[in-house]
Every structure is written in C-alpha cells, then in structure tokens.
Amino acid sequence: MRVPPAPSPSGGPARSGPAVVFRDVRPPGARRPVDLVVVDGRISDAPAPADAEVVDGGGRLALPSLVDAHIHPDKTSWGGDWVSRSPASGIAGYCAQDVDLFRAQDRPVGERAYGLMAHAVTRGTRAMRAHADVAPAYGLAGVEGVARARERLAGALDVQIVAFPQHGVVRAPGTAGLLEEAARSGAVDLIGGIDPIGFDDAPDEQLDLVFGLADRHGVGVDIHLHDRDEKGTRVLRAIVERTRALSLRGRVTVSHVFCLPFLSGPALDAMAGELADLDIALTTVAPSPALVLPVARLREHGVRVGLGSDGVRDGWSPFGNADMLHRAHLLGWITDARLDEELASCYAVGADGGADVMGLPHADFAPGSPADFVLVEGECLPQVVVDVPPRDVVVHGGRVVARGGELV
C-alpha cells in the first residue's frame, strides 16, 4: 500500500513563507479592528516586514478555525447523486447499507473523501480526525482513499486517520489482520474499536487486540462506544485499565461514550477523575439532548473533549455537512444554550476542544500560535454561533486557502 506519511501529532512544523498582514480584522476580545501579522505561518507580535503581503479583512471578525474531532469521510456520497436509503436498524443493518453504498458508487473513496474534506476546509476546518472503515468487505480501500485525500489537501488541512473496524474486530474474521497491516503501513495515526460488548460481544479479545496493536506500532487508540448503562461503563473501566497498564496516557480517545450522560453525579465525577488522571480524551457529535456528553462538567475535571461531524451523507443518514460552525450551533441548540458565555463555550469545544483531542496547539491569536482562522461578517462570537454566517476567508498556516466558499 503506497500512502503518504502521517502528520505529526502537533500538525507538522510551522509553514515557512512570506510574511502576511491581515489588515482591519477583529479577533475575539478586540475592542476595535487590528492588523494581524503572520510570519512563517504563526501569529507574530513583531512589526510587519516592509515586503509583507497585505490581505484586507474589511472589519470582519477573526475567529479560530475549528477542528472536526470525529468524521467518516470514506463513507460519504457527498458531491454525487442523491442516495435513497432503505429501512435499517442496529449497527449490523447500517453496516450492510454501507457495503451496498460502497459498491454502488462510481467514484473511488479518494475522490469522495477529497470532495468532503475540501468542503470542510472552505467552512473553516483546520484539522480533522478521519475514521476510515477497515473490514473484509473493503480491505484497506478506505484508509488508502482518505490518505490520498489528505495528501491532496496538505497545507490546507491537518488530518489524522483512524483504522476503524466498523464491522467489528472479532465478529468479522480477517479484520484483525487488516488492522495489523494498516498499523504497520504508517498510514494511520490511530487504531479504532467499536462496542466491545454490545456489538462485538468479545470485550477482552477486542480490547487486547486494539491496545496491543497501538502499543507495538506506536499509534493511538480511538474507540467508538455506543453502549449505554452498565455495558458502557464496564468497557470504559476496561479502557482505563489497559491505558494504565500499557502506559498509553494521553494517546487514547473514546468516541460518543453514550454511557456517561446516564451516570449519577458522584459516579460521573469519579469516572471523569479517572479519565483525567490518564488523559483519556472524549468526543461527542451532539446527537441529542439525552446522549450529548456533559462537556462542561468533564472539562472541570480536566478531561479533553472535542466535537465532530460523524457521518455525512452516508448509508447511516442523509444528513450532515462537515461544517463545524453548524455543529457548534447544533451543540448550542440541543443543550439549550442561551447566555453569551454558553454559546461561546460551544464554539470553544469545536475549536480548542478538538485541538486538544488531536494534540494541536490552540489557534488563539497569541504570539507563536498557528495562524489558522476564519473571517466572517458578524457582531460577536455568540451571534456567529447562532447565525452561522458564510466563512468569507479561511486562513491555514498563514495562507488564504479558501474565499467565498471555494478553495483557492
């Protein structure tokens, strides 16, 4: 399998290039428009060089670019003909529809993934963690396709790839070997897992295999956990135990984690303390009021929590748009955010929270921080979260990578 190397956890080195001045922009907290100076892809507090390129911001708000901490670009039908879906229930049923959709597509994974990932860039996404299905039905086509899309978008989007066993690790014979091959290839940054009890019905076998691969090949772990109640908490405790035993602190993520919202206050605090102690990160896609993670409480304990798109126009759902500002809007909607600070916090989960999950520095406009930001028309950040205005200009590493919703 010929694939480009994976980026470093920090998103790679600072991008060299000419200095740029973004004139007449309003970063968060600025009382009046300022000029942002960017040198070698990072915010600078030094005077702008005389030969610096100038980009007129027109008084627009400058906001940190967002991070999609959980998305499945290999599954998408984005940019193609409308797909009519049949009734389905349960993970197995949706997996079957995934296979049908995969076989019906006349565009390879790399083209479809690129179209969606490029669209995400135009909406202000600076980085994403992309889950690519690994199963006997596909081989490594998903990993290879997303890796090709990552290569085409180098310089505009930082991407981590998860080898994700959507069809199960144990219940789909041959998957374990494919995960091993993916880990050995260097194309993936993390090994995934899925519902070790509720779907795979082999918790010890799945977790031992996934954590063993991560330990041997020096990659991270990102496990989908949809199980609720006691099944989910049993798996979460098993993940904590293996993270501790293998000294994988800071390299494990659990996605969805539908069991946590059902824990009582003291039980939630105790679990959050364990997760924070081992620096196990979590992601939510804000699916519903009942299943969204209690982000504020988790962050009080020091748990890293990011926000993601999940599936986009795939066999599971006709919905999704890979627009992380819209996802922050949805997070505010389902959590009944009303106050300005609550709305701003929804944006922060998508910006700083996602960066924390991926191990990226915050794009917070401090000197030395990455010059990853969007320029939008708006009065203030809370209003932008509610109105979801167009991203007029998208900047990544100090370069304008999109204008007016199109790549440049």
Protein backbone atom coordinates (compact mmCIF):
# COMPACT_ATOMS: atom_id res chain seq x y z
CA MET A 1 0.00 0.00 0.00
CA ARG A 2 1.59 3.27 -1.12
CA VAL A 3 0.42 6.12 1.09
CA PRO A 4 1.89 9.42 2.31
CA PRO A 5 3.33 9.52 5.81
CA ALA A 6 1.05 10.56 8.63
CA PRO A 7 1.41 14.07 10.07
CA SER A 8 2.97 14.57 13.45
CA PRO A 9 0.59 14.94 16.41
CA SER A 10 1.28 18.67 16.51
CA GLY A 11 0.15 19.09 12.92
CA GLY A 12 3.64 19.31 11.46
CA PRO A 13 6.22 22.08 11.52
CA ALA A 14 5.37 25.73 11.09
CA ARG A 15 4.86 26.58 7.44
CA SER A 16 7.51 28.87 6.02
CA GLY A 17 6.62 31.59 3.57
CA PRO A 18 6.33 35.35 3.14
CA ALA A 19 5.02 37.47 5.97
CA VAL A 20 1.36 38.43 5.69
CA VAL A 21 -0.59 41.24 7.32
CA PHE A 22 -4.32 40.71 7.73
CA ARG A 23 -5.50 44.29 7.95
CA ASP A 24 -8.61 45.57 9.71
CA VAL A 25 -9.82 42.42 11.49
CA ARG A 26 -11.44 41.87 14.90
CA PRO A 27 -10.10 38.91 16.90
CA PRO A 28 -12.06 37.80 19.98
CA GLY A 29 -11.75 40.40 22.73
CA ALA A 30 -10.50 43.18 20.45
CA ARG A 31 -12.42 46.40 21.05
CA ARG A 32 -11.54 47.78 17.63
CA PRO A 33 -10.10 46.38 14.39
CA VAL A 34 -6.41 45.49 14.42
CA ASP A 35 -3.78 44.27 11.99
CA LEU A 36 -2.64 40.64 12.44
CA VAL A 37 0.96 39.96 11.46
CA VAL A 38 1.80 36.40 10.39
CA VAL A 39 5.36 35.16 9.90
CA ASP A 40 6.15 31.57 8.89
CA GLY A 41 2.59 30.52 9.47
CA ARG A 42 2.33 31.82 13.03
CA ILE A 43 0.97 34.91 14.72
CA SER A 44 3.72 37.43 15.40
CA ASP A 45 3.91 40.42 17.71
CA ALA A 46 6.79 41.93 15.72
CA PRO A 47 6.28 44.79 13.26
CA ALA A 48 5.33 43.66 9.78
CA PRO A 49 8.23 43.47 7.29
CA ALA A 50 8.13 46.09 4.59
CA ASP A 51 7.60 43.47 1.89
CA ALA A 52 4.74 41.67 3.68
CA GLU A 53 1.71 40.67 1.67
CA VAL A 54 -1.44 42.51 2.76
CA VAL A 55 -4.92 40.97 2.99
CA ASP A 56 -7.78 43.38 3.69
CA GLY A 57 -10.16 41.94 6.30
CA GLY A 58 -12.79 44.62 5.82
CA GLY A 59 -13.55 44.87 9.54
CA ARG A 60 -14.64 41.24 9.76
CA LEU A 61 -14.49 39.09 12.87
CA ALA A 62 -11.44 36.83 13.02
CA LEU A 63 -12.25 33.55 14.79
CA PRO A 64 -10.10 30.48 15.45
CA SER A 65 -10.57 27.77 12.86
CA LEU A 66 -12.44 24.70 14.07
CA VAL A 67 -11.37 21.07 14.44
CA ASP A 68 -13.53 18.13 13.43
CA ALA A 69 -12.54 15.55 16.03
CA HIS A 70 -14.72 12.73 14.64
CA ILE A 71 -15.76 12.28 10.99
CA HIS A 72 -16.14 9.40 8.49
CA PRO A 73 -15.14 10.82 5.08
CA ASP A 74 -14.64 7.40 3.45
CA LYS A 75 -18.36 6.56 3.70
CA THR A 76 -19.74 9.73 2.15
CA SER A 77 -21.73 10.16 -1.04
CA TRP A 78 -21.01 13.90 -0.90
CA GLY A 79 -20.93 15.56 -4.31
CA GLY A 80 -22.67 12.67 -6.06
CA ASP A 81 -26.22 11.75 -6.97
CA TRP A 82 -28.88 11.52 -4.31
CA VAL A 83 -28.91 8.20 -2.47
CA SER A 84 -32.25 6.72 -1.38
CA ARG A 85 -31.89 4.69 1.78
CA SER A 86 -33.78 1.58 2.85
CA PRO A 87 -35.09 0.91 6.37
CA ALA A 88 -32.37 -0.35 8.69
CA SER A 89 -31.83 -0.85 12.40
CA GLY A 90 -28.84 -1.67 14.55
CA ILE A 91 -25.17 -1.39 13.69
CA ALA A 92 -25.21 -4.57 11.59
CA GLY A 93 -28.06 -3.28 9.46
CA TYR A 94 -26.33 0.03 8.83
CA CYS A 95 -23.07 -1.75 8.04
CA ALA A 96 -24.88 -3.74 5.36
CA GLN A 97 -26.13 -0.49 3.82
CA ASP A 98 -22.59 0.90 3.96
CA VAL A 99 -21.42 -2.04 1.84
CA ASP A 100 -24.27 -1.56 -0.63
CA LEU A 101 -23.47 2.14 -0.96
CA PHE A 102 -19.75 1.44 -1.36
CA ARG A 103 -20.43 -0.98 -4.21
CA ALA A 104 -22.90 1.37 -5.90
CA GLN A 105 -20.52 4.37 -6.02
CA ASP A 106 -18.90 5.14 -9.36
CA ARG A 107 -16.33 7.39 -7.68
CA PRO A 108 -13.48 5.89 -5.64
CA VAL A 109 -13.10 6.62 -1.94
CA GLY A 110 -10.28 9.08 -2.56
CA GLU A 111 -12.43 11.30 -4.78
CA ARG A 112 -15.45 11.26 -2.49
CA ALA A 113 -13.38 11.83 0.64
CA TYR A 114 -11.45 14.64 -1.02
CA GLY A 115 -14.66 16.41 -2.01
CA LEU A 116 -15.99 16.31 1.54
CA MET A 117 -12.70 17.19 3.19
CA ALA A 118 -12.14 20.10 0.79
CA HIS A 119 -15.64 21.34 1.56
CA ALA A 120 -14.80 21.20 5.27
CA VAL A 121 -11.77 23.41 4.61
CA THR A 122 -13.93 26.05 2.92
CA ARG A 123 -16.13 26.09 6.04
CA GLY A 124 -13.18 26.80 8.30
CA THR A 125 -11.99 23.36 9.46
CA ARG A 126 -8.25 23.39 10.17
CA ALA A 127 -7.87 19.73 11.15
CA MET A 128 -9.87 16.53 11.38
CA ARG A 129 -9.65 13.04 12.77
CA ALA A 130 -10.91 10.84 9.95
CA HIS A 131 -12.21 7.36 10.71
CA ALA A 132 -11.78 5.03 7.72
CA ASP A 133 -13.53 1.67 7.69
CA VAL A 134 -11.29 -1.40 7.73
CA ALA A 135 -13.20 -4.62 7.04
CA PRO A 136 -13.01 -7.64 4.72
CA ALA A 137 -15.71 -6.01 2.56
CA TYR A 138 -13.37 -3.11 1.74
CA GLY A 139 -9.86 -4.22 2.59
CA LEU A 140 -7.84 -1.06 3.12
CA ALA A 141 -9.59 0.96 0.39
CA GLY A 142 -10.94 3.41 2.97
CA VAL A 143 -7.56 4.07 4.55
CA GLU A 144 -5.87 4.40 1.16
CA GLY A 145 -8.56 6.76 -0.16
CA VAL A 146 -8.53 9.07 2.84
CA ALA A 147 -4.73 9.08 2.78
CA ARG A 148 -4.81 10.23 -0.85
CA ALA A 149 -7.27 12.98 0.03
CA ARG A 150 -5.02 14.02 2.92
CA GLU A 151 -2.07 14.28 0.56
CA ARG A 152 -4.04 16.45 -1.90
CA LEU A 153 -5.04 18.81 0.92
CA ALA A 154 -1.62 19.09 2.52
CA GLY A 155 -1.07 22.71 3.52
CA ALA A 156 -4.80 23.34 3.89
CA LEU A 157 -5.90 20.66 6.37
CA ASP A 158 -4.17 18.59 9.05
CA VAL A 159 -5.56 15.05 9.14
CA GLN A 160 -5.21 12.10 11.49
CA ILE A 161 -6.52 8.76 10.19
CA VAL A 162 -8.10 6.06 12.34
CA ALA A 163 -8.23 2.48 11.06
CA PHE A 164 -11.80 1.83 12.17
CA PRO A 165 -13.28 -1.72 12.36
CA GLN A 166 -16.90 -0.70 11.74
CA HIS A 167 -17.99 -4.30 11.16
CA GLY A 168 -16.40 -5.47 14.41
CA VAL A 169 -12.97 -6.83 15.23
CA VAL A 170 -13.94 -10.36 16.25
CA ARG A 171 -17.30 -10.83 14.54
CA ALA A 172 -15.78 -10.02 11.11
CA PRO A 173 -12.98 -12.59 10.58
CA GLY A 174 -9.99 -11.10 8.78
CA THR A 175 -10.38 -7.65 10.32
CA ALA A 176 -7.61 -8.16 12.87
CA GLY A 177 -5.11 -8.85 10.09
CA LEU A 178 -6.21 -5.74 8.19
CA LEU A 179 -5.80 -3.60 11.29
CA GLU A 180 -2.30 -5.00 11.73
CA GLU A 181 -1.48 -4.19 8.10
CA ALA A 182 -2.84 -0.66 8.46
CA ALA A 183 -0.84 -0.06 11.63
CA ARG A 184 2.32 -1.42 10.04
CA SER A 185 1.89 0.72 6.90
CA GLY A 186 2.43 4.04 8.67
CA ALA A 187 -0.67 5.45 7.01
CA VAL A 188 -2.78 5.58 10.17
CA ASP A 189 -2.33 7.52 13.36
CA LEU A 190 -4.74 5.51 15.49
CA ILE A 191 -6.39 2.10 15.73
CA GLY A 192 -10.13 2.06 16.37
CA GLY A 193 -12.59 -0.25 18.03
CA ILE A 194 -16.35 -0.50 18.37
CA ASP A 195 -18.68 -1.56 21.19
CA PRO A 196 -16.62 -4.46 22.52
CA ILE A 197 -19.64 -5.82 24.44
CA GLY A 198 -22.77 -4.63 22.65
CA PHE A 199 -21.66 -5.32 19.08
CA ASP A 200 -18.53 -7.46 19.05
CA ASP A 201 -19.54 -9.47 22.13
CA ALA A 202 -15.86 -10.08 22.90
CA PRO A 203 -14.65 -7.26 25.14
CA ASP A 204 -11.35 -8.73 26.29
CA GLU A 205 -10.40 -10.08 22.88
CA GLN A 206 -11.18 -6.85 21.05
CA LEU A 207 -9.55 -4.53 23.57
CA ASP A 208 -6.46 -6.71 23.92
CA LEU A 209 -6.01 -6.73 20.15
CA VAL A 210 -6.60 -2.99 19.66
CA PHE A 211 -4.42 -1.90 22.57
CA GLY A 212 -1.77 -4.45 21.62
CA LEU A 213 -1.53 -3.01 18.10
CA ALA A 214 -1.29 0.52 19.48
CA ASP A 215 1.46 -0.49 21.88
CA ARG A 216 3.51 -2.39 19.27
CA HIS A 217 3.24 0.15 16.48
CA GLY A 218 3.34 3.40 18.45
CA VAL A 219 -0.09 4.63 17.37
CA GLY A 220 -3.05 5.91 19.36
CA VAL A 221 -6.43 4.37 20.13
CA ASP A 222 -9.89 5.77 19.34
CA ILE A 223 -12.82 3.50 20.27
CA HIS A 224 -16.49 4.04 19.39
CA LEU A 225 -18.58 3.32 22.47
CA HIS A 226 -22.34 3.45 21.92
CA ASP A 227 -23.23 1.04 24.73
CA ARG A 228 -25.23 2.68 27.47
CA ASP A 229 -25.67 1.92 31.14
CA GLU A 230 -23.60 -0.85 32.70
CA LYS A 231 -22.24 -2.27 29.43
CA GLY A 232 -20.72 1.05 28.52
CA THR A 233 -19.23 1.74 31.93
CA ARG A 234 -17.71 -1.78 32.03
CA VAL A 235 -15.96 -1.09 28.73
CA LEU A 236 -14.84 2.36 29.88
CA ARG A 237 -13.27 0.86 33.00
CA ALA A 238 -11.52 -1.76 30.87
CA ILE A 239 -10.15 1.00 28.64
CA VAL A 240 -8.88 2.85 31.71
CA GLU A 241 -7.16 -0.32 32.97
CA ARG A 242 -5.41 -1.02 29.64
CA THR A 243 -4.36 2.61 29.23
CA ARG A 244 -2.72 2.47 32.63
CA ALA A 245 -1.15 -0.97 32.15
CA LEU A 246 0.44 -0.07 28.79
CA SER A 247 1.44 3.47 29.78
CA LEU A 248 -0.64 4.95 26.95
CA ARG A 249 -1.51 8.10 28.87
CA GLY A 250 -2.61 10.87 26.51
CA ARG A 251 -2.90 8.53 23.50
CA VAL A 252 -6.40 7.11 23.96
CA THR A 253 -9.74 8.58 22.89
CA VAL A 254 -13.25 7.24 23.41
CA SER A 255 -15.88 8.50 20.97
CA HIS A 256 -19.60 9.03 21.66
CA VAL A 257 -19.47 7.46 25.17
CA PHE A 258 -23.25 7.27 25.48
CA CYS A 259 -22.97 5.71 28.94
CA LEU A 260 -21.61 8.85 30.61
CA PRO A 261 -24.77 11.02 30.44
CA PHE A 262 -26.64 8.32 32.37
CA LEU A 263 -24.25 8.26 35.34
CA SER A 264 -25.29 9.88 38.60
CA GLY A 265 -23.42 12.99 39.68
CA PRO A 266 -20.95 11.27 42.04
CA ALA A 267 -20.38 8.37 39.63
CA LEU A 268 -19.77 10.80 36.77
CA ASP A 269 -17.29 12.80 38.85
CA ALA A 270 -15.43 9.62 39.82
CA MET A 271 -15.20 8.42 36.23
CA ALA A 272 -14.16 11.88 35.00
CA GLY A 273 -11.39 11.89 37.59
CA GLU A 274 -10.05 8.57 36.28
CA LEU A 275 -10.21 9.73 32.68
CA ALA A 276 -8.41 12.96 33.52
CA ASP A 277 -5.74 11.11 35.52
CA LEU A 278 -4.82 9.07 32.42
CA ASP A 279 -5.55 11.93 29.99
CA ILE A 280 -8.10 9.86 28.07
CA ALA A 281 -9.87 12.16 25.61
CA LEU A 282 -13.54 12.01 24.60
CA THR A 283 -15.51 13.17 21.57
CA THR A 284 -19.18 13.91 21.04
CA VAL A 285 -21.16 14.66 17.90
CA ALA A 286 -24.03 16.28 19.84
CA PRO A 287 -26.54 13.67 18.65
CA SER A 288 -29.39 14.51 21.04
CA PRO A 289 -30.05 16.10 24.44
CA ALA A 290 -30.01 12.67 26.07
CA LEU A 291 -26.77 11.44 24.50
CA VAL A 292 -24.54 14.51 24.31
CA LEU A 293 -21.62 14.41 26.72
CA PRO A 294 -21.78 16.65 29.82
CA VAL A 295 -18.95 18.73 28.36
CA ALA A 296 -18.73 21.46 31.00
CA ARG A 297 -18.58 19.02 33.90
CA LEU A 298 -15.99 16.84 32.19
CA ARG A 299 -13.81 19.83 31.40
CA GLU A 300 -13.99 20.94 35.03
CA HIS A 301 -12.16 17.71 35.84
CA GLY A 302 -9.58 18.36 33.11
CA VAL A 303 -10.92 15.87 30.55
CA ARG A 304 -10.20 16.75 26.92
CA VAL A 305 -13.49 16.83 24.97
CA GLY A 306 -13.83 17.51 21.25
CA LEU A 307 -16.72 17.91 18.83
CA GLY A 308 -17.19 16.16 15.48
CA SER A 309 -19.45 15.71 12.46
CA ASP A 310 -19.70 11.90 12.49
CA GLY A 311 -21.15 10.51 9.24
CA VAL A 312 -22.01 12.82 6.35
CA ARG A 313 -24.50 11.78 3.63
CA ASP A 314 -23.69 8.09 4.05
CA GLY A 315 -25.55 4.82 4.44
CA TRP A 316 -26.46 5.73 8.01
CA SER A 317 -28.09 9.10 7.36
CA PRO A 318 -28.92 11.59 4.59
CA PHE A 319 -27.89 14.44 6.91
CA GLY A 320 -24.53 16.05 7.69
CA ASN A 321 -22.48 18.79 6.06
CA ALA A 322 -18.96 18.72 7.61
CA ASP A 323 -19.47 22.33 8.71
CA MET A 324 -18.13 22.57 12.25
CA LEU A 325 -19.64 26.00 12.87
CA HIS A 326 -23.02 24.46 12.16
CA ARG A 327 -22.10 21.59 14.52
CA ALA A 328 -21.29 24.13 17.26
CA HIS A 329 -24.69 25.68 16.55
CA LEU A 330 -26.32 22.24 16.97
CA LEU A 331 -24.46 21.73 20.26
CA GLY A 332 -25.88 25.00 21.50
CA TRP A 333 -29.36 24.07 20.27
CA ILE A 334 -29.57 20.68 21.99
CA THR A 335 -28.01 21.94 25.24
CA ASP A 336 -30.39 24.93 25.36
CA ALA A 337 -27.56 27.46 25.36
CA ARG A 338 -28.93 30.95 25.94
CA LEU A 339 -26.23 33.04 27.57
CA ASP A 340 -23.37 34.55 25.59
CA GLU A 341 -20.80 32.55 27.54
CA GLU A 342 -22.71 29.31 26.87
CA LEU A 343 -22.76 29.98 23.13
CA ALA A 344 -19.08 30.92 23.13
CA SER A 345 -18.34 27.69 25.01
CA CYS A 346 -20.00 25.68 22.23
CA TYR A 347 -17.58 27.26 19.77
CA ALA A 348 -14.66 26.58 22.10
CA VAL A 349 -15.48 22.85 22.20
CA GLY A 350 -15.18 22.79 18.41
CA ALA A 351 -12.02 24.90 18.31
CA ASP A 352 -9.91 24.36 21.44
CA GLY A 353 -11.55 21.09 22.47
CA GLY A 354 -10.93 19.46 19.11
CA ALA A 355 -7.37 20.78 19.05
CA ASP A 356 -6.79 19.26 22.48
CA VAL A 357 -8.08 15.86 21.32
CA MET A 358 -5.77 15.90 18.30
CA GLY A 359 -2.77 17.24 20.17
CA LEU A 360 -2.69 20.52 18.26
CA PRO A 361 -1.85 23.96 19.66
CA HIS A 362 -4.77 26.33 20.13
CA ALA A 363 -5.28 28.84 17.34
CA ASP A 364 -5.90 31.61 19.87
CA PHE A 365 -4.10 34.55 18.21
CA ALA A 366 -1.38 34.59 20.86
CA PRO A 367 2.15 35.25 19.56
CA GLY A 368 3.55 31.99 18.23
CA SER A 369 0.16 30.31 17.82
CA PRO A 370 -0.77 28.86 14.40
CA ALA A 371 -2.36 31.38 12.06
CA ASP A 372 -5.47 29.27 11.49
CA PHE A 373 -8.58 31.43 11.46
CA VAL A 374 -11.69 32.45 9.56
CA LEU A 375 -13.01 35.89 8.67
CA VAL A 376 -16.77 36.33 8.93
CA GLU A 377 -19.29 39.14 8.95
CA GLY A 378 -20.76 39.40 12.41
CA GLU A 379 -21.15 41.42 15.56
CA CYS A 380 -19.73 38.96 18.08
CA LEU A 381 -18.93 35.27 18.59
CA PRO A 382 -22.27 34.28 20.22
CA GLN A 383 -24.17 35.81 17.31
CA VAL A 384 -21.98 33.93 14.83
CA VAL A 385 -22.75 30.62 16.58
CA VAL A 386 -26.47 31.33 16.23
CA ASP A 387 -26.48 32.75 12.69
CA VAL A 388 -23.79 30.52 11.09
CA PRO A 389 -22.69 33.13 8.53
CA PRO A 390 -20.59 32.26 5.45
CA ARG A 391 -16.87 31.91 6.01
CA ASP A 392 -15.66 34.69 3.71
CA VAL A 393 -11.95 33.94 4.13
CA VAL A 394 -10.26 30.83 5.57
CA VAL A 395 -6.60 31.02 6.62
CA HIS A 396 -4.44 27.97 7.39
CA GLY A 397 -0.82 28.33 8.40
CA GLY A 398 -0.95 32.00 7.45
CA ARG A 399 -2.11 31.28 3.88
CA VAL A 400 -5.53 32.07 2.47
CA VAL A 401 -6.81 28.63 1.49
CA ALA A 402 -10.46 29.48 0.74
CA ARG A 403 -12.53 32.50 -0.23
CA GLY A 404 -16.26 32.77 -0.64
CA GLY A 405 -16.77 29.07 -0.01
CA GLU A 406 -14.23 27.89 -2.61
CA LEU A 407 -10.68 26.58 -2.32
CA VAL A 408 -8.04 28.93 -3.71
